[in-house]
C-alpha cells in the first residue's frame, strides 16, 4: 500500500505541478510569443548573423508591434536577450546566434505586444557597404571632437576594416594584431605594366605571377588582373599571395582566393581578385601574386596582358610549368596588374581587444587624443594639429567590421552633431537634430550557409492585458476574444533534441495536439516513482531507493532542461518516509 501511495502521489504531482513549472514568462507585458528555431546542418558555428522570414508590415498593421518597435524582445533558451533586427518591407529579419553546435537545433522566443517598452536588443545589422553619412561642415572634426559607437566588433573577421572611416581624415581600424587603432587611413596604389599586350598561355600546369613591394606597411585585400577568357574555360581561376626568396615565391600562401573561370569576360579588362582573408604586408619587402586556371586547355584558357617595356623596378613576371612547384623569373617582363594597399598612420591603439560587444570612444581635446574601450582609457597621445577637412563621406560599420551596431555618435566642439540608431526606414534620422541623416545598407543573407532559422509558431501568451490612453482614463480590458484564442497545452524551454529520439517524440506529440511538456514532466515523476518502488522491493535501505529516484530526475533536468525544483517532491516524500522510520540521521 505504501508503494502504491508513493506512485500515485508522484503521478498527481506530475499532473498538477509539472506543467506549471514552464508556464512563467519573463516578459510581463508581452501579449504574443513567436517560437523560433535555428538549425545547423554542419560543424559547430559561432557568431552567426542569420535571417528568418516574418511579415513586418502585417505585424504593424495588426498592431502586434508598435510603430516605434519598442514592444519587442528576443531571448534565447536561457532567458538572455539577443540582438535582432526587424526586416524592412520584404527583407528578412536578422538575429544573432552566438554559437550553435554541430548538427543541432536551438529554440528562441520573440515577444511582442503590450504597452510597455520591453527594452529588447534592437540592433542595426549592416551589409558590406555599412552606413554612409554625407560629408557636412558640422561633422568636420577639427581639433575638438568625440566619436562613440556601440555594438559587436569583429577583431578577427574584420581585420583590415574600419568600423569608422572618413578617408583622408580619421579612421578607427582593426589591424592584423587585433588592435583597434585611431589614425589617418590612406591607400598606396601600384600600377604595373600599363603598356602591354596579350599572352595566351594561362591554363593547366602553367602558372604565372608578378612580384612587387609597397613603400608602407599595408593590408592587401587582393589585386586586379587585366585579362579575358578565350573559349569556355571550366573550373576556377585560382590566385595566391606568397612571400619571396631570391625574388621567387616561397613557403605557404599568405592569402588566397578563387573565382569561376567562366565569370571572366570575353572582352579584355580588369578582373578584381579578392583574397578570402586580407594579408598584412611589410614595407619595402618583395611579395608575389600568382594565378592559375588548372582546368583550362589551350583552347579554353585565361589570357592576360604583359610587357617587356615596363619601367617597374621592384618586381618581375614569374612563371611555373609544374603548378607552382618551382618558379622562374623573367627579369625583363611584367604583368599588367594593379594593387591597392591600405595603410594606417596609427596615433593611438588598444591591444588584444577580444571580438564581441564593445563601446569604442575616441576624443581629441586640449591637444591630447584618447582611445577608450568599454569606458577604460586604452591609449593616449599628444596631437597638436587638426583632423584634415575634406569632402569624403563617413562610412560606419562596413565590410563586416561590426556585424551589428546599437548606436553611433559624433560630437564636435562639445556639441552633438550626429547620432544614429536602427530605424524602420531607408534612412536613419540624425537624432542630434542637425540633419546629418544616414543611408544604411541592410544585411539580408546569412553569414553561415549551414545555419537556417524559421518561425515555428506565433501564439498569444498573455490571457489579458490592460490598455490606457490619454483620451480616456478608463481601463479597457482586452479579453481572449480580442487577442485571439490561446492554444491548448503547456509551453516552455525544454530541449528534447538533446535526448536521442527526443525531438521526434515531441514532434509526434505536437502533431497529435498533445502537449509535449505534459509527457516529459510526467515521465520524470512517474519514472522516478517506479524506480523508487522497484528499489523498495529489492532493499529495505532508504538511501539507495532515494538515490535511484533522484538520479533519474537529475538526468532529465540536465539533459532536456526540466526545472531543477522537480527534485522537491521526491525530497518531501523521502523526508516523510525518514520520519516514519525514525531515521532522521539520514
Protein backbone atom coordinates (compact mmCIF):
# COMPACT_ATOMS: atom_id res chain seq x y z
CA UNK A 1 0.00 0.00 0.00
CA UNK A 2 2.84 2.38 0.89
CA UNK A 3 4.45 1.82 -2.51
CA UNK A 4 1.14 2.47 -4.24
CA UNK A 5 0.72 5.73 -2.32
CA UNK A 6 4.21 6.85 -3.39
CA UNK A 7 3.45 6.08 -7.03
CA UNK A 8 0.06 7.80 -7.03
CA UNK A 9 1.46 10.78 -5.16
CA UNK A 10 4.19 11.38 -7.70
CA UNK A 11 1.72 10.96 -10.58
CA UNK A 12 -0.59 13.59 -9.07
CA UNK A 13 2.37 15.95 -8.58
CA UNK A 14 3.43 15.38 -12.20
CA UNK A 15 -0.07 16.22 -13.40
CA UNK A 16 -0.73 19.28 -11.25
CA UNK A 17 2.69 20.80 -10.71
CA UNK A 18 4.92 19.65 -13.57
CA UNK A 19 3.45 21.69 -16.43
CA UNK A 20 3.17 24.73 -14.17
CA UNK A 21 6.93 24.98 -13.93
CA UNK A 22 7.14 26.05 -17.56
CA UNK A 23 4.24 28.48 -17.88
CA UNK A 24 6.04 31.51 -16.49
CA UNK A 25 7.18 34.28 -18.87
CA UNK A 26 9.91 36.78 -18.09
CA UNK A 27 8.28 39.40 -20.34
CA UNK A 28 5.50 40.64 -18.10
CA UNK A 29 3.55 42.79 -20.59
CA UNK A 30 4.07 40.69 -23.73
CA UNK A 31 0.86 39.54 -25.41
CA UNK A 32 2.28 37.31 -28.14
CA UNK A 33 5.20 34.93 -28.45
CA UNK A 34 6.89 33.61 -31.58
CA UNK A 35 8.76 30.33 -31.26
CA UNK A 36 11.83 30.47 -33.50
CA UNK A 37 14.13 27.58 -34.29
CA UNK A 38 17.71 27.74 -35.59
CA UNK A 39 19.22 24.60 -37.11
CA UNK A 40 22.80 23.82 -38.06
CA UNK A 41 23.44 21.24 -40.78
CA UNK A 42 27.21 21.11 -40.38
CA UNK A 43 30.02 21.73 -37.91
CA UNK A 44 29.73 23.95 -34.84
CA UNK A 45 29.15 27.55 -35.93
CA UNK A 46 29.86 30.70 -33.94
CA UNK A 47 28.98 34.37 -34.30
CA UNK A 48 26.32 33.93 -36.98
CA UNK A 49 24.02 36.64 -38.30
CA UNK A 50 21.08 34.63 -39.66
CA UNK A 51 17.88 35.72 -41.46
CA UNK A 52 14.34 34.47 -40.99
CA UNK A 53 11.12 35.39 -42.78
CA UNK A 54 8.42 37.37 -40.97
CA UNK A 55 5.97 39.85 -42.47
CA UNK A 56 6.85 43.08 -40.65
CA UNK A 57 4.23 45.26 -42.35
CA UNK A 58 1.48 42.78 -41.46
CA UNK A 59 2.61 42.79 -37.84
CA UNK A 60 2.50 46.59 -37.80
CA UNK A 61 -0.91 46.73 -39.50
CA UNK A 62 -2.32 44.23 -37.00
CA UNK A 63 -0.89 46.17 -34.01
CA UNK A 64 1.12 43.15 -32.93
CA UNK A 65 4.09 45.52 -32.70
CA UNK A 66 4.01 49.29 -32.33
CA UNK A 67 5.37 51.85 -34.79
CA UNK A 68 8.42 52.51 -32.62
CA UNK A 69 9.27 48.79 -32.35
CA UNK A 70 9.70 49.25 -28.60
CA UNK A 71 7.39 46.39 -27.56
CA UNK A 72 9.73 43.70 -28.87
CA UNK A 73 12.28 41.44 -27.21
CA UNK A 74 14.08 38.31 -28.34
CA UNK A 75 15.57 35.81 -25.92
CA UNK A 76 17.46 32.54 -26.05
CA UNK A 77 16.53 29.42 -24.10
CA UNK A 78 18.41 30.69 -21.04
CA UNK A 79 16.32 33.86 -20.98
CA UNK A 80 19.13 36.14 -22.18
CA UNK A 81 18.33 38.94 -24.61
CA UNK A 82 19.95 38.58 -28.02
CA UNK A 83 20.42 41.21 -30.75
CA UNK A 84 17.99 41.22 -33.68
CA UNK A 85 16.82 43.49 -36.48
CA UNK A 86 13.28 43.56 -37.93
CA UNK A 87 13.19 43.23 -41.69
CA UNK A 88 12.22 46.32 -43.65
CA UNK A 89 9.45 45.71 -46.20
CA UNK A 90 10.11 42.33 -47.80
CA UNK A 91 13.57 42.00 -46.24
CA UNK A 92 14.04 39.18 -43.71
CA UNK A 93 14.58 39.71 -40.02
CA UNK A 94 18.14 39.14 -38.80
CA UNK A 95 19.11 37.57 -35.47
CA UNK A 96 22.44 36.87 -33.76
CA UNK A 97 23.44 33.32 -32.86
CA UNK A 98 26.48 33.28 -30.60
CA UNK A 99 27.06 29.54 -31.04
CA UNK A 100 25.17 26.53 -32.36
CA UNK A 101 26.57 23.02 -32.07
CA UNK A 102 27.18 20.59 -34.89
CA UNK A 103 24.00 19.15 -36.46
CA UNK A 104 21.78 20.61 -33.75
CA UNK A 105 18.82 22.92 -33.20
CA UNK A 106 18.26 25.80 -30.77
CA UNK A 107 14.93 27.37 -29.81
CA UNK A 108 14.42 31.10 -29.29
CA UNK A 109 11.45 33.23 -28.29
CA UNK A 110 10.42 36.60 -29.71
CA UNK A 111 7.88 38.51 -27.63
CA UNK A 112 5.59 41.24 -28.97
CA UNK A 113 2.65 43.37 -27.91
CA UNK A 114 1.74 45.29 -24.79
CA UNK A 115 2.07 48.96 -23.92
CA UNK A 116 5.35 48.75 -22.01
CA UNK A 117 8.72 49.17 -23.69
CA UNK A 118 10.45 45.81 -23.41
CA UNK A 119 13.99 47.07 -23.86
CA UNK A 120 14.88 44.34 -26.33
CA UNK A 121 18.25 44.37 -28.10
CA UNK A 122 17.19 46.05 -31.31
CA UNK A 123 20.32 46.44 -33.41
CA UNK A 124 21.37 47.54 -36.88
CA UNK A 125 22.92 44.70 -38.94
CA UNK A 126 24.78 46.42 -41.81
CA UNK A 127 25.54 44.86 -45.17
CA UNK A 128 29.06 45.18 -46.59
CA UNK A 129 28.55 48.85 -47.54
CA UNK A 130 27.82 49.76 -43.92
CA UNK A 131 26.12 53.06 -43.15
CA UNK A 132 27.01 56.25 -45.06
CA UNK A 133 26.70 59.79 -43.72
CA UNK A 134 27.27 62.56 -46.25
CA UNK A 135 30.09 64.99 -45.65
CA UNK A 136 28.88 68.10 -43.85
CA UNK A 137 30.51 71.15 -42.35
CA UNK A 138 29.03 70.32 -38.94
CA UNK A 139 30.81 66.92 -38.99
CA UNK A 140 34.32 68.24 -39.71
CA UNK A 141 36.23 67.24 -36.60
CA UNK A 142 38.90 69.91 -36.28
CA UNK A 143 40.85 69.78 -33.01
CA UNK A 144 37.98 69.10 -30.59
CA UNK A 145 35.75 66.08 -31.15
CA UNK A 146 34.42 62.79 -29.78
CA UNK A 147 33.31 59.68 -31.69
CA UNK A 148 31.48 56.86 -29.91
CA UNK A 149 29.93 53.66 -31.22
CA UNK A 150 28.46 50.59 -29.56
CA UNK A 151 28.00 47.10 -30.95
CA UNK A 152 29.80 43.90 -31.88
CA UNK A 153 33.38 44.50 -33.02
CA UNK A 154 34.83 41.66 -35.11
CA UNK A 155 38.56 41.83 -34.39
CA UNK A 156 39.17 38.57 -36.31
CA UNK A 157 37.00 38.59 -39.43
CA UNK A 158 37.20 42.38 -39.63
CA UNK A 159 41.00 42.62 -39.86
CA UNK A 160 41.97 45.49 -42.13
CA UNK A 161 38.50 47.02 -41.99
CA UNK A 162 37.34 50.24 -40.37
CA UNK A 163 34.31 50.47 -38.07
CA UNK A 164 34.54 54.24 -38.71
CA UNK A 165 36.20 55.78 -41.77
CA UNK A 166 36.42 59.25 -43.23
CA UNK A 167 39.03 58.63 -45.92
CA UNK A 168 41.88 61.09 -45.75
CA UNK A 169 40.58 62.32 -42.41
CA UNK A 170 40.17 59.95 -39.47
CA UNK A 171 39.59 56.22 -39.13
CA UNK A 172 39.02 53.66 -36.40
CA UNK A 173 40.58 50.50 -37.83
CA UNK A 174 41.12 46.85 -36.86
CA UNK A 175 44.68 45.77 -37.66
CA UNK A 176 46.29 42.34 -38.05
CA UNK A 177 47.26 42.15 -34.35
CA UNK A 178 43.59 42.51 -33.31
CA UNK A 179 44.33 46.06 -32.25
CA UNK A 180 41.81 48.85 -32.59
CA UNK A 181 43.68 51.91 -33.80
CA UNK A 182 42.72 55.51 -34.41
CA UNK A 183 44.60 57.43 -37.06
CA UNK A 184 44.81 58.51 -40.67
CA UNK A 185 43.93 55.81 -43.19
CA UNK A 186 45.10 56.03 -46.79
CA UNK A 187 45.76 53.87 -49.86
CA UNK A 188 49.06 53.18 -51.60
CA UNK A 189 48.34 52.24 -55.21
CA UNK A 190 50.56 50.32 -57.62
CA UNK A 191 50.02 50.00 -61.38
CA UNK A 192 52.46 47.67 -63.13
CA UNK A 193 52.98 47.25 -66.91
CA UNK A 194 50.25 49.57 -68.16
CA UNK A 195 51.60 49.45 -71.73
CA UNK A 196 51.20 45.77 -72.56
CA UNK A 197 49.96 43.14 -74.99
CA UNK A 198 48.20 39.80 -74.79
CA UNK A 199 49.63 36.50 -73.58
CA UNK A 200 47.84 33.23 -74.34
CA UNK A 201 49.11 30.51 -72.06
CA UNK A 202 47.46 30.50 -68.59
CA UNK A 203 45.97 27.01 -68.32
CA UNK A 204 46.73 23.57 -66.90
CA UNK A 205 50.05 23.38 -65.07
CA UNK A 206 51.25 26.74 -66.42
CA UNK A 207 51.03 29.28 -63.59
CA UNK A 208 52.02 32.95 -63.73
CA UNK A 209 52.57 35.82 -61.35
CA UNK A 210 54.16 39.18 -60.58
CA UNK A 211 56.45 40.28 -57.77
CA UNK A 212 56.15 43.73 -56.17
CA UNK A 213 56.69 45.73 -52.98
CA UNK A 214 54.97 48.59 -51.14
CA UNK A 215 56.58 51.62 -49.53
CA UNK A 216 54.33 51.40 -46.44
CA UNK A 217 53.15 48.64 -44.14
CA UNK A 218 49.82 47.86 -45.78
CA UNK A 219 46.88 45.50 -45.65
CA UNK A 220 46.29 43.93 -49.07
CA UNK A 221 42.80 42.62 -49.85
CA UNK A 222 43.50 41.41 -53.40
CA UNK A 223 44.58 42.68 -56.81
CA UNK A 224 43.21 43.42 -60.28
CA UNK A 225 44.38 41.41 -63.29
CA UNK A 226 43.98 42.72 -66.84
CA UNK A 227 42.68 39.65 -68.67
CA UNK A 228 39.93 37.94 -70.66
CA UNK A 229 38.75 34.39 -71.26
CA UNK A 230 39.26 32.52 -74.52
CA UNK A 231 36.77 29.78 -75.34
CA UNK A 232 34.93 28.33 -72.34
CA UNK A 233 37.42 27.55 -69.56
CA UNK A 234 35.99 25.32 -66.82
CA UNK A 235 36.82 25.15 -63.14
CA UNK A 236 38.33 28.01 -61.18
CA UNK A 237 40.72 30.85 -61.70
CA UNK A 238 42.83 30.45 -58.55
CA UNK A 239 45.10 33.14 -57.13
CA UNK A 240 47.53 33.42 -54.23
CA UNK A 241 49.86 35.75 -52.34
CA UNK A 242 53.35 34.50 -51.41
CA UNK A 243 56.42 35.77 -49.63
CA UNK A 244 59.54 35.55 -51.78
CA UNK A 245 63.12 34.40 -51.51
CA UNK A 246 65.55 35.49 -54.18
CA UNK A 247 62.66 37.17 -55.98
CA UNK A 248 60.61 33.94 -56.31
CA UNK A 249 57.62 32.58 -54.32
CA UNK A 250 58.45 30.57 -51.22
CA UNK A 251 56.59 28.81 -48.40
CA UNK A 252 52.85 28.51 -47.97
CA UNK A 253 50.44 31.06 -49.40
CA UNK A 254 49.85 34.11 -47.19
CA UNK A 255 46.41 34.63 -48.74
CA UNK A 256 44.34 33.04 -51.46
CA UNK A 257 41.04 33.05 -53.30
CA UNK A 258 39.27 31.69 -56.36
CA UNK A 259 36.51 32.58 -58.79
CA UNK A 260 34.81 30.61 -61.54
CA UNK A 261 36.86 30.97 -64.71
CA UNK A 262 33.60 31.30 -66.63
CA UNK A 263 32.89 34.63 -64.88
CA UNK A 264 35.84 36.29 -66.64
CA UNK A 265 34.65 38.43 -69.56
CA UNK A 266 35.45 37.66 -73.19
CA UNK A 267 36.43 41.33 -73.50
CA UNK A 268 39.76 42.44 -72.08
CA UNK A 269 39.56 44.39 -68.84
CA UNK A 270 40.47 44.35 -65.17
CA UNK A 271 39.10 41.44 -63.12
CA UNK A 272 39.02 42.01 -59.36
CA UNK A 273 40.55 39.08 -57.45
CA UNK A 274 39.82 39.44 -53.73
CA UNK A 275 41.54 37.28 -51.13
CA UNK A 276 39.40 35.31 -48.70
CA UNK A 277 41.27 36.98 -45.83
CA UNK A 278 43.29 40.21 -46.20
CA UNK A 279 47.02 39.98 -45.55
CA UNK A 280 49.40 42.37 -43.78
CA UNK A 281 52.48 43.26 -45.83
CA UNK A 282 55.72 44.79 -44.57
CA UNK A 283 57.12 47.91 -46.20
CA UNK A 284 59.96 47.52 -48.74
CA UNK A 285 59.54 43.72 -48.78
CA UNK A 286 59.05 41.76 -52.02
CA UNK A 287 55.91 39.64 -52.37
CA UNK A 288 54.33 37.76 -55.27
CA UNK A 289 50.77 37.40 -56.53
CA UNK A 290 50.24 34.34 -58.73
CA UNK A 291 47.27 32.97 -60.67
CA UNK A 292 46.33 29.74 -62.45
CA UNK A 293 43.50 28.06 -64.37
CA UNK A 294 44.19 24.36 -63.68
CA UNK A 295 41.18 23.03 -65.62
CA UNK A 296 41.86 25.20 -68.67
CA UNK A 297 43.17 23.97 -72.02
CA UNK A 298 44.94 25.55 -74.96
CA UNK A 299 41.52 26.28 -76.48
CA UNK A 300 39.79 27.25 -73.25
CA UNK A 301 42.07 29.46 -71.20
CA UNK A 302 42.64 32.75 -69.43
CA UNK A 303 44.66 35.30 -71.40
CA UNK A 304 46.44 38.10 -69.55
CA UNK A 305 48.47 41.12 -70.61
CA UNK A 306 52.20 41.68 -70.08
CA UNK A 307 55.05 43.82 -71.39
CA UNK A 308 58.83 43.82 -71.70
CA UNK A 309 58.87 47.62 -71.78
CA UNK A 310 57.82 48.22 -68.18
CA UNK A 311 59.75 50.67 -66.07
CA UNK A 312 58.70 48.91 -62.83
CA UNK A 313 61.93 48.32 -60.90
CA UNK A 314 60.64 46.50 -57.80
CA UNK A 315 59.48 43.22 -59.35
CA UNK A 316 59.18 40.96 -62.38
CA UNK A 317 56.94 38.46 -64.13
CA UNK A 318 57.34 34.91 -62.80
CA UNK A 319 56.16 31.60 -64.26
CA UNK A 320 55.90 27.92 -63.37
CA UNK A 321 55.39 24.94 -65.68
CA UNK A 322 54.63 22.50 -62.84
CA UNK A 323 51.73 24.07 -60.92
CA UNK A 324 53.90 26.20 -58.66
CA UNK A 325 56.39 23.55 -57.57
CA UNK A 326 59.25 25.62 -58.98
CA UNK A 327 59.42 29.13 -60.39
CA UNK A 328 61.41 31.10 -62.96
CA UNK A 329 61.80 34.88 -63.08
CA UNK A 330 61.75 36.62 -66.45
CA UNK A 331 63.99 39.52 -65.46
CA UNK A 332 62.67 41.63 -68.35
CA UNK A 333 58.85 41.35 -68.43
CA UNK A 334 56.00 42.41 -66.12
CA UNK A 335 52.28 41.56 -65.94
CA UNK A 336 49.60 44.24 -66.16
CA UNK A 337 48.09 44.37 -62.66
CA UNK A 338 47.02 46.98 -60.14
CA UNK A 339 47.25 46.67 -56.36
CA UNK A 340 45.89 48.92 -53.63
CA UNK A 341 47.32 48.56 -50.13
CA UNK A 342 45.64 50.26 -47.20
CA UNK A 343 47.91 51.77 -44.60
CA UNK A 344 47.16 53.38 -41.27
CA UNK A 345 49.07 56.15 -39.58
CA UNK A 346 48.09 54.93 -36.13
CA UNK A 347 48.00 57.62 -33.48
CA UNK A 348 46.55 55.63 -30.56
CA UNK A 349 45.85 51.87 -30.27
CA UNK A 350 44.14 49.38 -27.97
CA UNK A 351 45.84 45.97 -27.91
CA UNK A 352 44.29 42.48 -27.65
CA UNK A 353 40.67 43.54 -27.97
CA UNK A 354 38.61 40.34 -27.91
CA UNK A 355 35.86 40.11 -30.53
CA UNK A 356 32.46 40.81 -29.02
CA UNK A 357 30.29 43.68 -27.83
CA UNK A 358 32.22 46.85 -27.02
CA UNK A 359 31.78 50.59 -26.66
CA UNK A 360 34.57 52.36 -28.55
CA UNK A 361 35.16 56.04 -27.89
CA UNK A 362 37.90 58.34 -29.12
CA UNK A 363 38.23 62.05 -28.45
CA UNK A 364 40.64 64.89 -29.13
CA UNK A 365 40.69 67.76 -26.67
CA UNK A 366 43.39 70.12 -25.46
CA UNK A 367 45.97 68.60 -27.80
CA UNK A 368 45.54 65.03 -26.50
CA UNK A 369 43.98 62.17 -28.47
CA UNK A 370 42.41 59.43 -26.31
CA UNK A 371 41.01 55.97 -27.04
CA UNK A 372 38.61 54.25 -24.63
CA UNK A 373 37.36 50.66 -24.79
CA UNK A 374 34.28 49.99 -22.64
CA UNK A 375 34.91 53.13 -20.61
CA UNK A 376 38.56 52.32 -19.85
CA UNK A 377 41.35 54.50 -21.23
CA UNK A 378 43.40 52.24 -23.54
CA UNK A 379 45.85 54.77 -25.00
CA UNK A 380 46.52 58.48 -25.35
CA UNK A 381 48.97 60.60 -27.31
CA UNK A 382 49.78 64.23 -27.90
CA UNK A 383 48.28 65.56 -31.13
CA UNK A 384 48.69 69.27 -31.68
CA UNK A 385 47.06 69.53 -35.10
CA UNK A 386 43.56 69.25 -36.51
CA UNK A 387 41.95 66.42 -38.44
CA UNK A 388 42.02 67.15 -42.16
CA UNK A 389 38.89 68.81 -43.51
CA UNK A 390 37.85 67.11 -46.76
CA UNK A 391 34.76 66.26 -48.80
CA UNK A 392 34.77 62.49 -48.20
CA UNK A 393 31.70 60.88 -46.64
CA UNK A 394 31.62 58.99 -43.35
CA UNK A 395 31.42 55.18 -43.66
CA UNK A 396 30.40 53.31 -40.49
CA UNK A 397 30.33 49.54 -39.87
CA UNK A 398 31.36 48.48 -43.39
CA UNK A 399 32.82 45.18 -44.65
CA UNK A 400 31.97 43.10 -41.59
CA UNK A 401 33.93 45.25 -39.15
CA UNK A 402 30.79 45.40 -36.98
CA UNK A 403 28.25 42.59 -37.58
CA UNK A 404 25.71 44.62 -35.61
CA UNK A 405 25.56 48.06 -34.05
CA UNK A 406 23.45 49.69 -31.34
CA UNK A 407 24.38 53.33 -31.95
CA UNK A 408 26.99 55.73 -33.35
CA UNK A 409 27.56 59.34 -32.26
CA UNK A 410 29.82 62.22 -33.34
CA UNK A 411 30.35 65.28 -31.17
CA UNK A 412 32.26 68.35 -32.40
CA UNK A 413 33.30 71.22 -30.15
CA UNK A 414 31.32 69.77 -27.26
CA UNK A 415 28.06 69.72 -29.28
CA UNK A 416 26.41 66.52 -30.52
CA UNK A 417 26.42 66.77 -34.32
CA UNK A 418 25.34 63.30 -35.39
CA UNK A 419 23.57 60.39 -33.66
CA UNK A 420 22.13 57.28 -35.29
CA UNK A 421 20.32 54.10 -34.25
CA UNK A 422 18.35 51.50 -36.20
CA UNK A 423 15.07 52.68 -37.69
CA UNK A 424 12.41 51.00 -39.79
CA UNK A 425 13.23 53.25 -42.73
CA UNK A 426 15.51 53.64 -45.74
CA UNK A 427 17.38 56.40 -43.89
CA UNK A 428 18.35 56.77 -40.25
CA UNK A 429 17.32 60.13 -38.85
CA UNK A 430 20.05 62.18 -37.23
CA UNK A 431 18.86 62.24 -33.62
CA UNK A 432 21.07 65.26 -32.86
CA UNK A 433 18.73 67.42 -34.94
CA UNK A 434 21.47 68.61 -37.31
CA UNK A 435 20.04 66.91 -40.39
CA UNK A 436 23.02 64.58 -40.90
CA UNK A 437 20.84 61.60 -41.78
CA UNK A 438 22.50 58.27 -42.58
CA UNK A 439 21.92 55.96 -45.54
CA UNK A 440 22.18 52.36 -44.31
CA UNK A 441 22.72 49.10 -46.15
CA UNK A 442 20.91 46.14 -44.58
CA UNK A 443 22.09 42.58 -44.23
CA UNK A 444 19.64 40.15 -45.84
CA UNK A 445 21.75 36.97 -46.03
CA UNK A 446 23.32 34.60 -43.52
CA UNK A 447 26.97 34.64 -42.58
CA UNK A 448 26.93 30.81 -42.46
CA UNK A 449 25.08 28.89 -45.18
CA UNK A 450 24.70 25.82 -42.93
CA UNK A 451 22.64 27.71 -40.35
CA UNK A 452 18.93 28.26 -41.07
CA UNK A 453 16.24 29.95 -38.97
CA UNK A 454 12.45 29.72 -39.20
CA UNK A 455 9.40 30.85 -37.24
CA UNK A 456 7.67 27.74 -35.86
CA UNK A 457 4.60 29.36 -34.28
CA UNK A 458 3.15 32.69 -33.17
CA UNK A 459 0.70 32.47 -30.30
CA UNK A 460 -0.98 34.52 -27.59
CA UNK A 461 0.95 34.16 -24.35
CA UNK A 462 -0.98 36.60 -22.13
CA UNK A 463 -4.67 35.97 -21.46
CA UNK A 464 -5.44 39.57 -20.52
CA UNK A 465 -3.91 43.00 -20.96
CA UNK A 466 -4.83 46.49 -19.83
CA UNK A 467 -4.60 49.47 -22.16
CA UNK A 468 -4.99 53.14 -21.23
CA UNK A 469 -4.89 56.22 -23.39
CA UNK A 470 -4.57 59.96 -22.88
CA UNK A 471 -8.12 60.46 -24.16
CA UNK A 472 -9.79 58.03 -21.78
CA UNK A 473 -8.81 57.50 -18.16
CA UNK A 474 -10.87 54.34 -18.00
CA UNK A 475 -9.17 50.99 -18.31
CA UNK A 476 -10.09 48.87 -21.32
CA UNK A 477 -9.98 45.17 -20.63
CA UNK A 478 -8.69 43.19 -23.56
CA UNK A 479 -10.27 39.75 -23.39
CA UNK A 480 -9.49 36.43 -25.05
CA UNK A 481 -11.83 37.34 -27.90
CA UNK A 482 -9.78 40.47 -28.58
CA UNK A 483 -6.34 38.88 -28.63
CA UNK A 484 -7.12 35.54 -30.19
CA UNK A 485 -7.57 32.03 -28.89
CA UNK A 486 -4.92 30.70 -26.52
CA UNK A 487 -3.68 27.35 -27.82
CA UNK A 488 -4.16 24.35 -25.60
CA UNK A 489 -1.16 22.78 -23.95
CA UNK A 490 1.84 23.91 -22.00
CA UNK A 491 4.94 25.58 -23.38
CA UNK A 492 8.48 26.05 -22.12
CA UNK A 493 12.16 25.91 -22.85
CA UNK A 494 12.58 22.16 -22.93
CA UNK A 495 15.28 20.69 -25.16
CA UNK A 496 14.20 17.14 -26.09
CA UNK A 497 16.60 17.33 -29.05
CA UNK A 498 19.42 16.65 -26.57
CA UNK A 499 17.99 13.18 -25.94
CA UNK A 500 18.29 10.59 -28.76
CA UNK A 501 14.86 10.38 -30.34
CA UNK A 502 13.52 13.08 -28.03
CA UNK A 503 12.77 15.63 -30.74
CA UNK A 504 10.92 13.01 -32.79
CA UNK A 505 8.74 12.21 -29.75
CA UNK A 506 7.93 15.90 -29.17
CA UNK A 507 7.16 16.45 -32.85
CA UNK A 508 4.83 13.43 -32.86
CA UNK A 509 3.01 14.65 -29.75
CA UNK A 510 2.62 18.15 -31.22
CA UNK A 511 1.18 16.65 -34.40
CA UNK A 512 -1.33 14.81 -32.18
CA UNK A 513 -2.17 18.10 -30.37
CA UNK A 514 -0.83 16.61 -27.14
CA UNK A 515 1.38 18.91 -25.00
CA UNK A 516 4.95 17.50 -25.08
CA UNK A 517 5.68 19.15 -21.72
CA UNK A 518 2.97 17.08 -20.04
CA UNK A 519 4.59 13.91 -21.37
CA UNK A 520 8.15 14.84 -20.34
CA UNK A 521 7.29 16.02 -16.82
CA UNK A 522 5.06 13.01 -16.25
CA UNK A 523 7.89 10.77 -17.46
CA UNK A 524 10.26 12.41 -14.99
CA UNK A 525 7.95 11.90 -12.00
CA UNK A 526 6.49 8.51 -12.92
CA UNK A 527 9.91 7.16 -13.86
CA UNK A 528 11.31 8.25 -10.50
CA UNK A 529 8.31 6.73 -8.71
CA UNK A 530 8.64 3.38 -10.50
CA UNK A 531 12.39 3.21 -9.91
CA UNK A 532 11.90 4.07 -6.22
CA UNK A 533 9.14 1.47 -5.87
CA UNK A 534 11.24 -1.25 -7.53
CA UNK A 535 14.19 -0.34 -5.31
CA UNK A 536 12.00 -0.61 -2.21
CA UNK A 537 11.10 -4.11 -3.32
CA UNK A 538 14.76 -5.06 -3.54
CA UNK A 539 16.09 -3.49 -0.38
CA UNK A 540 14.78 -2.04 2.84
CA UNK A 541 17.54 0.60 2.85
CA UNK A 542 16.10 4.05 2.20
CA UNK A 543 19.24 5.75 0.83
CA UNK A 544 19.68 3.53 -2.28
CA UNK A 545 15.97 3.89 -3.10
CA UNK A 546 16.10 7.67 -2.78
CA UNK A 547 19.32 7.90 -4.79
CA UNK A 548 17.85 5.82 -7.63
CA UNK A 549 14.83 8.12 -7.99
CA UNK A 550 16.89 11.30 -7.70
CA UNK A 551 19.42 10.15 -10.32
CA UNK A 552 16.57 9.61 -12.78
CA UNK A 553 15.22 13.12 -12.18
CA UNK A 554 18.66 14.79 -12.25
CA UNK A 555 19.35 13.11 -15.60
CA UNK A 556 16.30 14.72 -17.21
CA UNK A 557 16.99 18.10 -15.58
CA UNK A 558 20.49 18.13 -17.06
CA UNK A 559 19.65 16.71 -20.49
CA UNK A 560 16.29 18.14 -21.58
CA UNK A 561 16.03 21.09 -19.20
CA UNK A 562 13.20 20.18 -16.83
CA UNK A 563 13.15 22.53 -13.84
CA UNK A 564 15.51 21.59 -11.03
CA UNK A 565 12.86 22.06 -8.37
CA UNK A 566 11.15 18.89 -9.61
CA UNK A 567 13.50 17.27 -7.10
CA UNK A 568 11.49 18.87 -4.28
CA UNK A 569 8.51 16.44 -4.25
CA UNK A 570 10.86 13.45 -4.20
CA UNK A 571 12.69 15.05 -1.29
CA UNK A 572 9.44 15.64 0.60
CA UNK A 573 8.45 12.00 0.18
CA UNK A 574 11.89 10.84 1.33
CA UNK A 575 11.77 13.08 4.41
CA UNK A 576 8.30 11.81 5.23
CA UNK A 577 9.49 8.22 4.97
CA UNK A 578 12.55 9.05 7.10
CA UNK A 579 10.34 10.48 9.82
CA UNK A 580 8.08 7.48 9.53
CA UNK A 581 11.07 5.18 10.09
CA UNK A 582 12.54 7.47 12.71
CA UNK A 583 15.76 7.64 10.70
CA UNK A 584 16.35 11.36 10.87
CA UNK A 585 20.09 10.74 10.86
CA UNK A 586 19.82 10.12 7.12
